[in-house]
Every structure is written in C-alpha cells, then in structure tokens.
C-alpha atoms as a PDB file:
ATOM      1  CA  MET A   1     122.970  30.168 207.199  1.00  0.00           C
ATOM      2  CA  LYS A   2     126.136  32.210 207.898  1.00  0.00           C
ATOM      3  CA  ARG A   3     126.030  33.753 211.361  1.00  0.00           C
ATOM      4  CA  ARG A   4     127.123  37.291 211.796  1.00  0.00           C
ATOM      5  CA  ILE A   5     129.440  38.162 214.360  1.00  0.00           C
ATOM      6  CA  PHE A   6     128.761  41.250 217.004  1.00  0.00           C
ATOM      7  CA  CYS A   7     131.041  43.024 219.466  1.00  0.00           C
ATOM      8  CA  SER A   8     128.279  45.079 221.459  1.00  0.00           C
ATOM      9  CA  MET A   9     130.091  47.018 224.627  1.00  0.00           C
ATOM     10  CA  ALA A  10     129.962  50.689 224.397  1.00  0.00           C
ATOM     11  CA  LEU A  11     129.073  51.167 227.378  1.00  0.00           C
ATOM     12  CA  ALA A  12     132.258  50.088 229.585  1.00  0.00           C
ATOM     13  CA  SER A  13     133.028  53.139 232.297  1.00  0.00           C
ATOM     14  CA  THR A  14     136.434  52.718 233.007  1.00  0.00           C
ATOM     15  CA  ALA A  15     139.847  52.231 231.186  1.00  0.00           C
ATOM     16  CA  ALA A  16     139.686  48.443 232.711  1.00  0.00           C
ATOM     17  CA  GLY A  17     136.401  47.761 230.922  1.00  0.00           C
ATOM     18  CA  ARG A  18     137.406  49.472 227.765  1.00  0.00           C
ATOM     19  CA  ALA A  19     140.142  47.411 227.570  1.00  0.00           C
ATOM     20  CA  LEU A  20     138.076  44.529 228.132  1.00  0.00           C
ATOM     21  CA  ALA A  21     135.925  45.608 225.496  1.00  0.00           C
ATOM     22  CA  GLN A  22     138.079  44.933 222.766  1.00  0.00           C
ATOM     23  CA  ALA A  23     136.897  40.856 223.064  1.00  0.00           C
ATOM     24  CA  GLN A  24     134.073  40.111 220.536  1.00  0.00           C
ATOM     25  CA  ALA A  25     130.833  38.746 221.183  1.00  0.00           C
ATOM     26  CA  ARG A  26     129.357  36.575 218.624  1.00  0.00           C
ATOM     27  CA  VAL A  27     125.582  35.664 218.533  1.00  0.00           C
ATOM     28  CA  PRO A  28     123.967  32.942 216.412  1.00  0.00           C
ATOM     29  CA  SER A  29     121.180  35.420 216.146  1.00  0.00           C
ATOM     30  CA  PRO A  30     120.442  39.551 217.758  1.00  0.00           C
ATOM     31  CA  GLU A  31     117.225  38.273 219.422  1.00  0.00           C
ATOM     32  CA  HIS A  32     118.928  38.395 222.669  1.00  0.00           C
ATOM     33  CA  THR A  33     121.549  40.632 224.480  1.00  0.00           C
ATOM     34  CA  ILE A  34     122.731  40.145 227.768  1.00  0.00           C
ATOM     35  CA  GLY A  35     123.668  43.305 229.889  1.00  0.00           C
ATOM     36  CA  MET A  36     126.601  43.021 232.295  1.00  0.00           C
ATOM     37  CA  SER A  37     127.650  44.802 235.463  1.00  0.00           C
ATOM     38  CA  PHE A  38     130.288  44.602 237.338  1.00  0.00           C
ATOM     39  CA  PRO A  39     132.714  46.984 239.490  1.00  0.00           C
ATOM     40  CA  ALA A  40     136.011  47.967 238.405  1.00  0.00           C
ATOM     41  CA  ALA A  41     138.904  45.847 237.608  1.00  0.00           C
ATOM     42  CA  THR A  42     141.283  47.378 240.670  1.00  0.00           C
ATOM     43  CA  HIS A  43     141.888  43.591 242.029  1.00  0.00           C
ATOM     44  CA  GLY A  44     142.836  40.679 240.173  1.00  0.00           C
ATOM     45  CA  TRP A  45     140.165  38.666 241.439  1.00  0.00           C
ATOM     46  CA  MET A  46     137.754  41.015 240.033  1.00  0.00           C
ATOM     47  CA  GLY A  47     139.380  41.634 236.654  1.00  0.00           C
ATOM     48  CA  ALA A  48     139.150  37.775 236.422  1.00  0.00           C
ATOM     49  CA  ILE A  49     135.516  37.868 236.829  1.00  0.00           C
ATOM     50  CA  ILE A  50     135.130  40.364 233.859  1.00  0.00           C
ATOM     51  CA  LYS A  51     137.370  38.160 231.763  1.00  0.00           C
ATOM     52  CA  ASN A  52     135.522  34.656 232.475  1.00  0.00           C
ATOM     53  CA  ALA A  53     132.135  36.662 231.922  1.00  0.00           C
ATOM     54  CA  ALA A  54     133.509  37.639 228.762  1.00  0.00           C
ATOM     55  CA  ASP A  55     134.920  34.132 227.865  1.00  0.00           C
ATOM     56  CA  GLU A  56     131.981  32.487 228.600  1.00  0.00           C
ATOM     57  CA  ALA A  57     129.448  34.723 226.361  1.00  0.00           C
ATOM     58  CA  ASN A  58     132.049  34.773 223.597  1.00  0.00           C
ATOM     59  CA  ALA A  59     132.291  30.817 223.966  1.00  0.00           C
ATOM     60  CA  ARG A  60     128.217  30.859 223.903  1.00  0.00           C
ATOM     61  CA  ARG A  61     128.224  33.039 220.975  1.00  0.00           C
ATOM     62  CA  LEU A  62     126.111  35.598 222.512  1.00  0.00           C
ATOM     63  CA  LYS A  63     125.880  39.205 221.991  1.00  0.00           C
ATOM     64  CA  TYR A  64     126.401  41.246 225.498  1.00  0.00           C
ATOM     65  CA  VAL A  65     126.786  44.461 226.436  1.00  0.00           C
ATOM     66  CA  MET A  66     129.597  45.010 229.214  1.00  0.00           C
ATOM     67  CA  THR A  67     129.730  47.738 231.649  1.00  0.00           C
ATOM     68  CA  THR A  68     132.046  48.390 234.684  1.00  0.00           C
ATOM     69  CA  ALA A  69     131.768  51.186 237.758  1.00  0.00           C
ATOM     70  CA  ASP A  70     133.899  52.732 240.302  1.00  0.00           C
ATOM     71  CA  ASP A  71     130.947  53.119 242.777  1.00  0.00           C
ATOM     72  CA  ALA A  72     127.476  51.871 243.382  1.00  0.00           C
ATOM     73  CA  ALA A  73     126.021  55.387 241.811  1.00  0.00           C
ATOM     74  CA  GLN A  74     127.682  54.714 238.781  1.00  0.00           C
ATOM     75  CA  GLN A  75     126.884  50.933 238.625  1.00  0.00           C
ATOM     76  CA  ALA A  76     122.926  51.810 238.829  1.00  0.00           C
ATOM     77  CA  LYS A  77     123.276  54.240 236.368  1.00  0.00           C
ATOM     78  CA  ASP A  78     125.037  51.568 234.101  1.00  0.00           C
ATOM     79  CA  VAL A  79     122.150  49.131 234.867  1.00  0.00           C
ATOM     80  CA  GLU A  80     119.542  51.827 234.300  1.00  0.00           C
ATOM     81  CA  ALA A  81     121.498  52.623 230.776  1.00  0.00           C
ATOM     82  CA  LEU A  82     121.586  48.838 229.924  1.00  0.00           C
ATOM     83  CA  ILE A  83     117.438  48.717 231.045  1.00  0.00           C
ATOM     84  CA  ALA A  84     117.017  51.644 228.302  1.00  0.00           C
ATOM     85  CA  ARG A  85     118.771  49.674 225.791  1.00  0.00           C
ATOM     86  CA  LYS A  86     116.110  47.060 226.634  1.00  0.00           C
ATOM     87  CA  VAL A  87     118.763  43.818 227.195  1.00  0.00           C
ATOM     88  CA  SER A  88     117.259  40.477 227.611  1.00  0.00           C
ATOM     89  CA  ALA A  89     118.811  39.768 230.952  1.00  0.00           C
ATOM     90  CA  VAL A  90     121.271  41.781 233.328  1.00  0.00           C
ATOM     91  CA  VAL A  91     124.358  39.623 234.990  1.00  0.00           C
ATOM     92  CA  MET A  92     125.422  41.899 237.984  1.00  0.00           C
ATOM     93  CA  LEU A  93     128.168  41.698 240.606  1.00  0.00           C
ATOM     94  CA  PRO A  94     126.993  44.396 242.956  1.00  0.00           C
ATOM     95  CA  ILE A  95     129.404  47.083 244.430  1.00  0.00           C
ATOM     96  CA  SER A  96     127.087  47.695 247.064  1.00  0.00           C
ATOM     97  CA  THR A  97     124.549  45.160 248.842  1.00  0.00           C
ATOM     98  CA  ARG A  98     122.893  47.855 250.347  1.00  0.00           C
ATOM     99  CA  GLU A  99     122.826  50.593 247.718  1.00  0.00           C
ATOM    100  CA  MET A 100     121.691  48.714 244.780  1.00  0.00           C
ATOM    101  CA  GLY A 101     118.194  47.539 245.964  1.00  0.00           C
ATOM    102  CA  ASP A 102     116.215  50.065 244.076  1.00  0.00           C
ATOM    103  CA  ILE A 103     117.751  49.100 240.567  1.00  0.00           C
ATOM    104  CA  THR A 104     115.968  45.448 240.918  1.00  0.00           C
ATOM    105  CA  GLN A 105     112.693  47.414 241.129  1.00  0.00           C
ATOM    106  CA  LYS A 106     113.414  48.680 237.498  1.00  0.00           C
ATOM    107  CA  LEU A 107     114.621  45.427 236.056  1.00  0.00           C
ATOM    108  CA  GLN A 108     111.258  43.970 237.161  1.00  0.00           C
ATOM    109  CA  ALA A 109     109.391  46.652 236.045  1.00  0.00           C
ATOM    110  CA  ALA A 110     111.191  45.983 232.529  1.00  0.00           C
ATOM    111  CA  ARG A 111     110.784  42.375 232.844  1.00  0.00           C
ATOM    112  CA  ILE A 112     114.574  41.919 232.512  1.00  0.00           C
ATOM    113  CA  PRO A 113     115.502  38.943 234.814  1.00  0.00           C
ATOM    114  CA  LEU A 114     118.707  39.486 237.196  1.00  0.00           C
ATOM    115  CA  ILE A 115     121.518  36.859 237.828  1.00  0.00           C
ATOM    116  CA  LEU A 116     123.712  38.322 240.398  1.00  0.00           C
ATOM    117  CA  VAL A 117     127.360  36.997 241.087  1.00  0.00           C
ATOM    118  CA  ASP A 118     128.952  36.932 244.065  1.00  0.00           C
ATOM    119  CA  ARG A 119     126.985  39.387 246.396  1.00  0.00           C
ATOM    120  CA  GLU A 120     123.665  39.361 247.535  1.00  0.00           C
ATOM    121  CA  LEU A 121     121.271  42.229 247.654  1.00  0.00           C
ATOM    122  CA  ASP A 122     118.650  43.768 250.194  1.00  0.00           C
ATOM    123  CA  SER A 123     116.137  42.457 247.587  1.00  0.00           C
ATOM    124  CA  THR A 124     114.716  38.948 246.758  1.00  0.00           C
ATOM    125  CA  LEU A 125     113.526  40.540 243.190  1.00  0.00           C
ATOM    126  CA  TYR A 126     116.534  38.154 241.151  1.00  0.00           C
ATOM    127  CA  ALA A 127     116.306  35.402 238.886  1.00  0.00           C
ATOM    128  CA  ALA A 128     119.467  33.538 240.625  1.00  0.00           C
ATOM    129  CA  LEU A 129     122.638  34.136 242.639  1.00  0.00           C
ATOM    130  CA  VAL A 130     125.297  32.393 241.893  1.00  0.00           C
ATOM    131  CA  LYS A 131     128.031  33.087 244.631  1.00  0.00           C
ATOM    132  CA  GLY A 132     130.380  31.166 247.147  1.00  0.00           C
ATOM    133  CA  ASP A 133     130.367  30.077 250.200  1.00  0.00           C
ATOM    134  CA  ASN A 134     131.093  33.094 252.147  1.00  0.00           C
ATOM    135  CA  VAL A 135     130.039  32.176 255.725  1.00  0.00           C
ATOM    136  CA  GLY A 136     132.436  28.763 254.851  1.00  0.00           C
ATOM    137  CA  ILE A 137     135.247  30.621 254.093  1.00  0.00           C
ATOM    138  CA  GLY A 138     134.991  32.083 257.873  1.00  0.00           C
ATOM    139  CA  THR A 139     134.075  28.698 259.390  1.00  0.00           C
ATOM    140  CA  ASN A 140     136.761  26.862 257.182  1.00  0.00           C
ATOM    141  CA  ALA A 141     139.163  29.610 257.877  1.00  0.00           C
ATOM    142  CA  ALA A 142     138.543  29.251 261.854  1.00  0.00           C
ATOM    143  CA  ARG A 143     138.612  25.542 262.056  1.00  0.00           C
ATOM    144  CA  TYR A 144     142.080  25.776 260.103  1.00  0.00           C
ATOM    145  CA  ILE A 145     143.705  28.050 262.298  1.00  0.00           C
ATOM    146  CA  GLY A 146     142.008  26.756 265.576  1.00  0.00           C
ATOM    147  CA  GLY A 147     143.613  23.196 264.553  1.00  0.00           C
ATOM    148  CA  GLU A 148     146.903  24.539 263.744  1.00  0.00           C
ATOM    149  CA  LEU A 149     147.345  26.494 266.805  1.00  0.00           C
ATOM    150  CA  LYS A 150     145.680  23.448 268.959  1.00  0.00           C
ATOM    151  CA  GLY A 151     143.314  26.247 270.416  1.00  0.00           C
ATOM    152  CA  GLN A 152     145.546  28.585 271.884  1.00  0.00           C
ATOM    153  CA  GLY A 153     146.602  31.959 270.544  1.00  0.00           C
ATOM    154  CA  SER A 154     145.402  35.292 269.105  1.00  0.00           C
ATOM    155  CA  VAL A 155     144.534  36.555 265.579  1.00  0.00           C
ATOM    156  CA  ILE A 156     144.276  39.412 263.398  1.00  0.00           C
ATOM    157  CA  GLU A 157     141.502  39.608 261.030  1.00  0.00           C
ATOM    158  CA  ILE A 158     141.623  41.646 257.649  1.00  0.00           C
ATOM    159  CA  VAL A 159     138.473  42.681 255.903  1.00  0.00           C
ATOM    160  CA  GLY A 160     136.908  43.395 252.944  1.00  0.00           C
ATOM    161  CA  VAL A 161     134.721  46.124 251.926  1.00  0.00           C
ATOM    162  CA  PRO A 162     130.936  46.699 253.092  1.00  0.00           C
ATOM    163  CA  ALA A 163     129.446  44.058 251.728  1.00  0.00           C
ATOM    164  CA  SER A 164     127.218  40.439 252.060  1.00  0.00           C
ATOM    165  CA  VAL A 165     130.347  38.595 251.604  1.00  0.00           C
ATOM    166  CA  THR A 166     132.589  40.491 254.058  1.00  0.00           C
ATOM    167  CA  ASP A 167     129.437  40.423 256.597  1.00  0.00           C
ATOM    168  CA  GLN A 168     129.113  36.639 256.140  1.00  0.00           C
ATOM    169  CA  ARG A 169     132.866  35.628 256.443  1.00  0.00           C
ATOM    170  CA  ALA A 170     133.446  37.463 259.063  1.00  0.00           C
ATOM    171  CA  LYS A 171     130.478  36.129 261.165  1.00  0.00           C
ATOM    172  CA  GLY A 172     131.329  32.161 260.193  1.00  0.00           C
ATOM    173  CA  PHE A 173     134.934  32.840 261.400  1.00  0.00           C
ATOM    174  CA  ARG A 174     133.547  34.566 264.812  1.00  0.00           C
ATOM    175  CA  ASP A 175     130.998  32.363 265.643  1.00  0.00           C
ATOM    176  CA  GLU A 176     132.982  28.531 264.507  1.00  0.00           C
ATOM    177  CA  LEU A 177     135.790  30.150 267.105  1.00  0.00           C
ATOM    178  CA  THR A 178     133.767  30.808 269.630  1.00  0.00           C
ATOM    179  CA  ARG A 179     132.385  27.435 269.083  1.00  0.00           C
ATOM    180  CA  LEU A 180     135.576  25.425 268.924  1.00  0.00           C
ATOM    181  CA  TYR A 181     137.908  27.176 270.098  1.00  0.00           C
ATOM    182  CA  PRO A 182     136.863  30.043 272.480  1.00  0.00           C
ATOM    183  CA  SER A 183     140.369  30.407 274.019  1.00  0.00           C
ATOM    184  CA  ILE A 184     141.929  31.779 270.684  1.00  0.00           C
ATOM    185  CA  ARG A 185     141.196  35.663 271.042  1.00  0.00           C
ATOM    186  CA  ILE A 186     140.639  37.852 267.914  1.00  0.00           C
ATOM    187  CA  LEU A 187     142.988  41.035 269.046  1.00  0.00           C
ATOM    188  CA  ASP A 188     141.823  43.386 266.056  1.00  0.00           C
ATOM    189  CA  SER A 189     139.969  43.927 263.170  1.00  0.00           C
ATOM    190  CA  THR A 190     140.729  46.372 260.021  1.00  0.00           C
ATOM    191  CA  THR A 191     140.204  46.543 256.451  1.00  0.00           C
ATOM    192  CA  GLY A 192     142.162  45.967 253.472  1.00  0.00           C
ATOM    193  CA  SER A 193     139.508  46.824 251.008  1.00  0.00           C
ATOM    194  CA  PHE A 194     140.060  43.455 249.058  1.00  0.00           C
ATOM    195  CA  GLN A 195     143.786  45.180 248.201  1.00  0.00           C
ATOM    196  CA  ARG A 196     147.234  44.277 248.149  1.00  0.00           C
ATOM    197  CA  GLU A 197     148.804  47.412 248.880  1.00  0.00           C
ATOM    198  CA  LYS A 198     146.157  48.553 251.084  1.00  0.00           C
ATOM    199  CA  SER A 199     146.086  45.728 252.968  1.00  0.00           C
ATOM    200  CA  ARG A 200     150.091  45.616 253.192  1.00  0.00           C
ATOM    201  CA  THR A 201     149.554  49.224 255.264  1.00  0.00           C
ATOM    202  CA  ALA A 202     146.829  47.722 257.242  1.00  0.00           C
ATOM    203  CA  MET A 203     148.833  44.911 258.637  1.00  0.00           C
ATOM    204  CA  GLN A 204     151.890  47.201 259.413  1.00  0.00           C
ATOM    205  CA  ASP A 205     149.721  49.381 261.493  1.00  0.00           C
ATOM    206  CA  MET A 206     148.591  45.749 263.543  1.00  0.00           C
ATOM    207  CA  LEU A 207     152.494  44.564 263.616  1.00  0.00           C
ATOM    208  CA  ASP A 208     152.789  48.350 265.395  1.00  0.00           C
ATOM    209  CA  ALA A 209     149.612  47.853 267.628  1.00  0.00           C
ATOM    210  CA  HIS A 210     150.309  44.514 268.619  1.00  0.00           C
ATOM    211  CA  ARG A 211     153.452  42.646 270.359  1.00  0.00           C
ATOM    212  CA  ARG A 212     152.476  39.169 269.804  1.00  0.00           C
ATOM    213  CA  ILE A 213     150.283  37.810 266.917  1.00  0.00           C
ATOM    214  CA  ASP A 214     149.738  34.207 266.326  1.00  0.00           C
ATOM    215  CA  ALA A 215     148.144  33.866 263.072  1.00  0.00           C
ATOM    216  CA  VAL A 216     146.072  36.644 260.437  1.00  0.00           C
ATOM    217  CA  PHE A 217     142.858  35.513 258.868  1.00  0.00           C
ATOM    218  CA  THR A 218     142.140  37.445 255.863  1.00  0.00           C
ATOM    219  CA  HIS A 219     138.856  37.427 253.543  1.00  0.00           C
ATOM    220  CA  ASP A 220     141.056  37.536 250.331  1.00  0.00           C
ATOM    221  CA  ASP A 221     143.802  36.460 248.881  1.00  0.00           C
ATOM    222  CA  GLU A 222     144.759  39.840 247.475  1.00  0.00           C
ATOM    223  CA  MET A 223     144.770  40.897 250.913  1.00  0.00           C
ATOM    224  CA  ALA A 224     146.414  37.983 251.889  1.00  0.00           C
ATOM    225  CA  LEU A 225     149.495  38.889 249.713  1.00  0.00           C
ATOM    226  CA  GLY A 226     149.770  42.334 251.079  1.00  0.00           C
ATOM    227  CA  VAL A 227     149.665  41.128 254.658  1.00  0.00           C
ATOM    228  CA  VAL A 228     152.590  38.605 253.844  1.00  0.00           C
ATOM    229  CA  ASP A 229     154.462  41.407 252.417  1.00  0.00           C
ATOM    230  CA  ALA A 230     154.304  43.441 255.564  1.00  0.00           C
ATOM    231  CA  ILE A 231     154.898  40.641 257.722  1.00  0.00           C
ATOM    232  CA  THR A 232     158.334  39.386 255.974  1.00  0.00           C
ATOM    233  CA  GLN A 233     159.326  43.332 255.800  1.00  0.00           C
ATOM    234  CA  SER A 234     158.742  43.675 259.397  1.00  0.00           C
ATOM    235  CA  ARG A 235     161.153  40.356 260.009  1.00  0.00           C
ATOM    236  CA  ARG A 236     158.977  39.381 263.191  1.00  0.00           C
ATOM    237  CA  LYS A 237     158.854  35.842 263.965  1.00  0.00           C
ATOM    238  CA  ASP A 238     155.544  35.287 266.027  1.00  0.00           C
ATOM    239  CA  ILE A 239     153.280  34.891 263.132  1.00  0.00           C
ATOM    240  CA  ARG A 240     153.384  31.661 261.991  1.00  0.00           C
ATOM    241  CA  ILE A 241     149.878  31.302 259.628  1.00  0.00           C
ATOM    242  CA  VAL A 242     147.948  33.525 256.956  1.00  0.00           C
ATOM    243  CA  THR A 243     144.707  32.435 255.234  1.00  0.00           C
ATOM    244  CA  GLY A 244     143.081  33.828 252.400  1.00  0.00           C
ATOM    245  CA  ALA A 245     140.192  33.449 249.791  1.00  0.00           C
ATOM    246  CA  GLY A 246     139.815  33.077 246.442  1.00  0.00           C
ATOM    247  CA  GLY A 247     141.800  31.115 244.316  1.00  0.00           C
ATOM    248  CA  ASN A 248     144.895  33.629 243.235  1.00  0.00           C
ATOM    249  CA  LYS A 249     147.244  31.547 241.387  1.00  0.00           C
ATOM    250  CA  GLU A 250     150.339  33.144 243.134  1.00  0.00           C
ATOM    251  CA  VAL A 251     149.104  31.930 246.360  1.00  0.00           C
ATOM    252  CA  TYR A 252     148.580  28.506 245.361  1.00  0.00           C
ATOM    253  CA  ARG A 253     152.074  28.615 244.248  1.00  0.00           C
ATOM    254  CA  MET A 254     153.166  29.837 247.174  1.00  0.00           C
ATOM    255  CA  ILE A 255     151.274  26.700 249.141  1.00  0.00           C
ATOM    256  CA  GLY A 256     152.365  24.361 246.916  1.00  0.00           C
ATOM    257  CA  GLN A 257     156.301  25.749 247.674  1.00  0.00           C
ATOM    258  CA  GLY A 258     155.764  25.591 251.358  1.00  0.00           C
ATOM    259  CA  ALA A 259     155.860  29.187 252.053  1.00  0.00           C
ATOM    260  CA  PRO A 260     156.484  29.570 256.026  1.00  0.00           C
ATOM    261  CA  LEU A 261     153.240  32.286 256.103  1.00  0.00           C
ATOM    262  CA  MET A 262     151.123  31.526 253.791  1.00  0.00           C
ATOM    263  CA  ARG A 263     149.431  28.389 254.814  1.00  0.00           C
ATOM    264  CA  ALA A 264     146.143  28.014 253.400  1.00  0.00           C
ATOM    265  CA  THR A 265     143.204  29.554 251.411  1.00  0.00           C
ATOM    266  CA  PHE A 266     139.600  28.843 250.553  1.00  0.00           C
ATOM    267  CA  VAL A 267     138.041  28.440 247.031  1.00  0.00           C
ATOM    268  CA  TYR A 268     136.093  31.326 245.993  1.00  0.00           C
ATOM    269  CA  SER A 269     136.640  31.046 242.036  1.00  0.00           C
ATOM    270  CA  PRO A 270     135.963  33.763 239.731  1.00  0.00           C
ATOM    271  CA  LEU A 271     135.074  31.238 237.511  1.00  0.00           C
ATOM    272  CA  MET A 272     131.133  32.006 239.053  1.00  0.00           C
ATOM    273  CA  ALA A 273     131.084  34.615 236.761  1.00  0.00           C
ATOM    274  CA  LYS A 274     131.079  31.906 233.775  1.00  0.00           C
ATOM    275  CA  ASP A 275     127.988  30.034 235.625  1.00  0.00           C
ATOM    276  CA  ALA A 276     126.079  33.300 236.185  1.00  0.00           C
ATOM    277  CA  VAL A 277     126.699  33.956 232.011  1.00  0.00           C
ATOM    278  CA  ARG A 278     125.650  30.308 231.386  1.00  0.00           C
ATOM    279  CA  VAL A 279     122.359  30.421 234.096  1.00  0.00           C
ATOM    280  CA  ALA A 280     121.570  33.674 231.914  1.00  0.00           C
ATOM    281  CA  SER A 281     121.443  32.151 228.442  1.00  0.00           C
ATOM    282  CA  GLU A 282     119.790  29.219 229.636  1.00  0.00           C
ATOM    283  CA  LEU A 283     116.840  31.436 231.229  1.00  0.00           C
ATOM    284  CA  LEU A 284     116.702  33.200 227.982  1.00  0.00           C
ATOM    285  CA  GLU A 285     115.985  29.631 226.053  1.00  0.00           C
ATOM    286  CA  GLY A 286     113.880  28.664 228.533  1.00  0.00           C
ATOM    287  CA  LYS A 287     115.080  26.159 230.385  1.00  0.00           C
ATOM    288  CA  PRO A 288     115.505  27.997 234.375  1.00  0.00           C
ATOM    289  CA  PRO A 289     117.983  27.531 237.008  1.00  0.00           C
ATOM    290  CA  ARG A 290     118.273  24.564 238.845  1.00  0.00           C
ATOM    291  CA  SER A 291     118.263  26.605 242.165  1.00  0.00           C
ATOM    292  CA  LYS A 292     117.556  30.516 242.749  1.00  0.00           C
ATOM    293  CA  ASN A 293     120.816  30.500 245.179  1.00  0.00           C
ATOM    294  CA  ILE A 294     123.639  28.333 243.781  1.00  0.00           C
ATOM    295  CA  THR A 295     126.820  28.400 245.747  1.00  0.00           C
ATOM    296  CA  ILE A 296     130.012  27.047 245.221  1.00  0.00           C
ATOM    297  CA  PRO A 297     131.642  25.503 248.453  1.00  0.00           C
ATOM    298  CA  ALA A 298     134.703  26.809 250.430  1.00  0.00           C
ATOM    299  CA  SER A 299     136.625  23.941 250.041  1.00  0.00           C
ATOM    300  CA  ALA A 300     140.119  24.116 252.166  1.00  0.00           C
ATOM    301  CA  VAL A 301     143.457  24.159 249.628  1.00  0.00           C
ATOM    302  CA  HIS A 302     146.747  23.759 251.679  1.00  0.00           C
ATOM    303  CA  ALA A 303     149.905  21.647 250.854  1.00  0.00           C
ATOM    304  CA  GLY A 304     148.174  18.430 251.119  1.00  0.00           C
ATOM    305  CA  ASN A 305     145.843  19.162 248.199  1.00  0.00           C
ATOM    306  CA  ILE A 306     147.167  21.808 246.438  1.00  0.00           C
ATOM    307  CA  ALA A 307     147.959  19.625 243.171  1.00  0.00           C
ATOM    308  CA  ARG A 308     143.799  19.229 243.101  1.00  0.00           C
ATOM    309  CA  PHE A 309     143.379  23.476 242.658  1.00  0.00           C
ATOM    310  CA  TYR A 310     146.504  24.498 241.161  1.00  0.00           C
ATOM    311  CA  ASP A 311     146.311  25.767 237.599  1.00  0.00           C
ATOM    312  CA  PRO A 312     149.094  27.968 236.140  1.00  0.00           C
ATOM    313  CA  ALA A 313     147.219  29.242 233.134  1.00  0.00           C
ATOM    314  CA  ALA A 314     144.112  30.371 235.158  1.00  0.00           C
ATOM    315  CA  ASN A 315     142.973  34.072 234.570  1.00  0.00           C
ATOM    316  CA  TYR A 316     143.371  34.813 238.083  1.00  0.00           C
END
C-alpha cells in the first residue's frame, strides 16, 4: 500500500523552530504522533539537537510535532498544547530543571510517555532519559587540566545556565580537583549562559579581575570559543589551557590544528537527540528502553585522538 507523507510541526514557537519546521515528517500510518519540545536554537549545539531529532524522525518515517520555546513558561504551554493534541509520546529537553516538574504529572495523567534529553527534572515521572555524562565532563576536565598543570596553578570556571547539567559539571570538576589536585585553586566562577558572545564578555571581566590565570574550564564548546576569543584579543600569555564540552566541529578542528589555547574538549554529542527519538519510536512499538537512564560517556578529545571524533559534515 502506498504510504502517505505527512508534515505536522505547526506549533513551532520561535523563528528557529519555524525554520526547522520546513522539514517533512514521513509516517507509515497516522497511528502515532511524537511531540517534541526543545529550547530555542540560540546556540549551535541546541540547533543541532533540534535538527538531529527531526532527521531521526524523518528517517524513521514518523509523524511529529516540533515546538521550541524561549523560556520555561512557554515550554510548559507548548507541552500542554501537545497533550491537548493527544500526541503518543513527548521527547523533551527541559529549559529548566526546577520549573518543569508539574508538566510531568500532566503527561502521566494523560498517559503520554515522556522521553527526556540532556537535562533531568525534579521528577521521576518519565519513561527514559538520554543524556551525556555531565559529572564525567567535570571529572575528566579536572584530570586533564590537573595533569597538564602538574598539580599546581589556578583555574577560572565558565558555567552554563541554571540546570542539572551545570550543577553536575561543576560538582564533578570541584570534587576531582579536591581529590587529585588540591593545590590547584579555582580563582573564580561566572556564567557564560552556553553562548559564545556572553562568554567572551565574561572572560574579559575575568581577565580584568585576575592578573594570573593558568587554565579555563568551560562547560561548553561555544563558551570555550568565546573565551579563546577574549584571551587572544587580550594578548595575555599566562593562560595555557582552555577546555570545552559538546563536540563542536570548529573546536575539533582547532584541536586538530594544534591551537595553542584550545587544548581539549569532552564528548557531549547532540546526536543524543537521535537516540531519544529512537527510544520514543521503539517504546510506541512495544519495545521498552534497555534502561530508564541512558548515559553517553564523556570521553576526552585531544590532539592525540582527534581523528576518531572529527566529522566536518556533522550538524554541529
């Protein structure tokens, strides 16, 4: 029987979401529709998350509704609209860990399974969580920086937005430094909001405030690029190491070319969105996830192994 093509993304709530909504979603039957709820693509990693989710749905010929939001209040409204639309499952990357807990109760009441991507919620009412190893990013960054500094020096930390991922990366970094390298001091910590421009400004403030800095641990590759820009413009020579996280191909290219500052990053691939859509699809087919919590290891990426990770054709 000839299969009909559907496109159902009318709820996209930002310009970024509407642009992505031009993709077509193909389904073998109208039986199931997956709702997708993501933050707006103000960041390259988030843009890749949205694109990868749409790509996976298209590859699986799934009917889906894509929404994007600028804040937690809008995201809650988006998910309520998905519930009203009676979608079969929801794949969501929460904007806020702490403000989206109520929506899980509404999804449960509607018997709609929730598959979380990246960030946790203050709730256990979800079918599966697909995430990177946030504690591992902090732990591995502490090991890398501590080893390169030979256990002595000072570090600036550039953190993301208030969310579980930020808390976990910070905790992993601090705990591992305390355990392995107690002589390394964290001079200061400030937010770059997971954005390159804000991180450039934040790092400029740190450069003004501290006369000597040995390394910078950033929670994200976009922020790392902003930090590198600020350091380069300042012409400071004291800073030897900047690390990121996420898998940005510009960062991978810099590492591969032996950039003097951008020395390492840690795997936190936006491909996790494809895994979340796959889990949702299989769940609707009666195949439960192999684990409620699926964690992707935060492998270190550096000059010695960059060839294993760099893909110039990647979405991010």
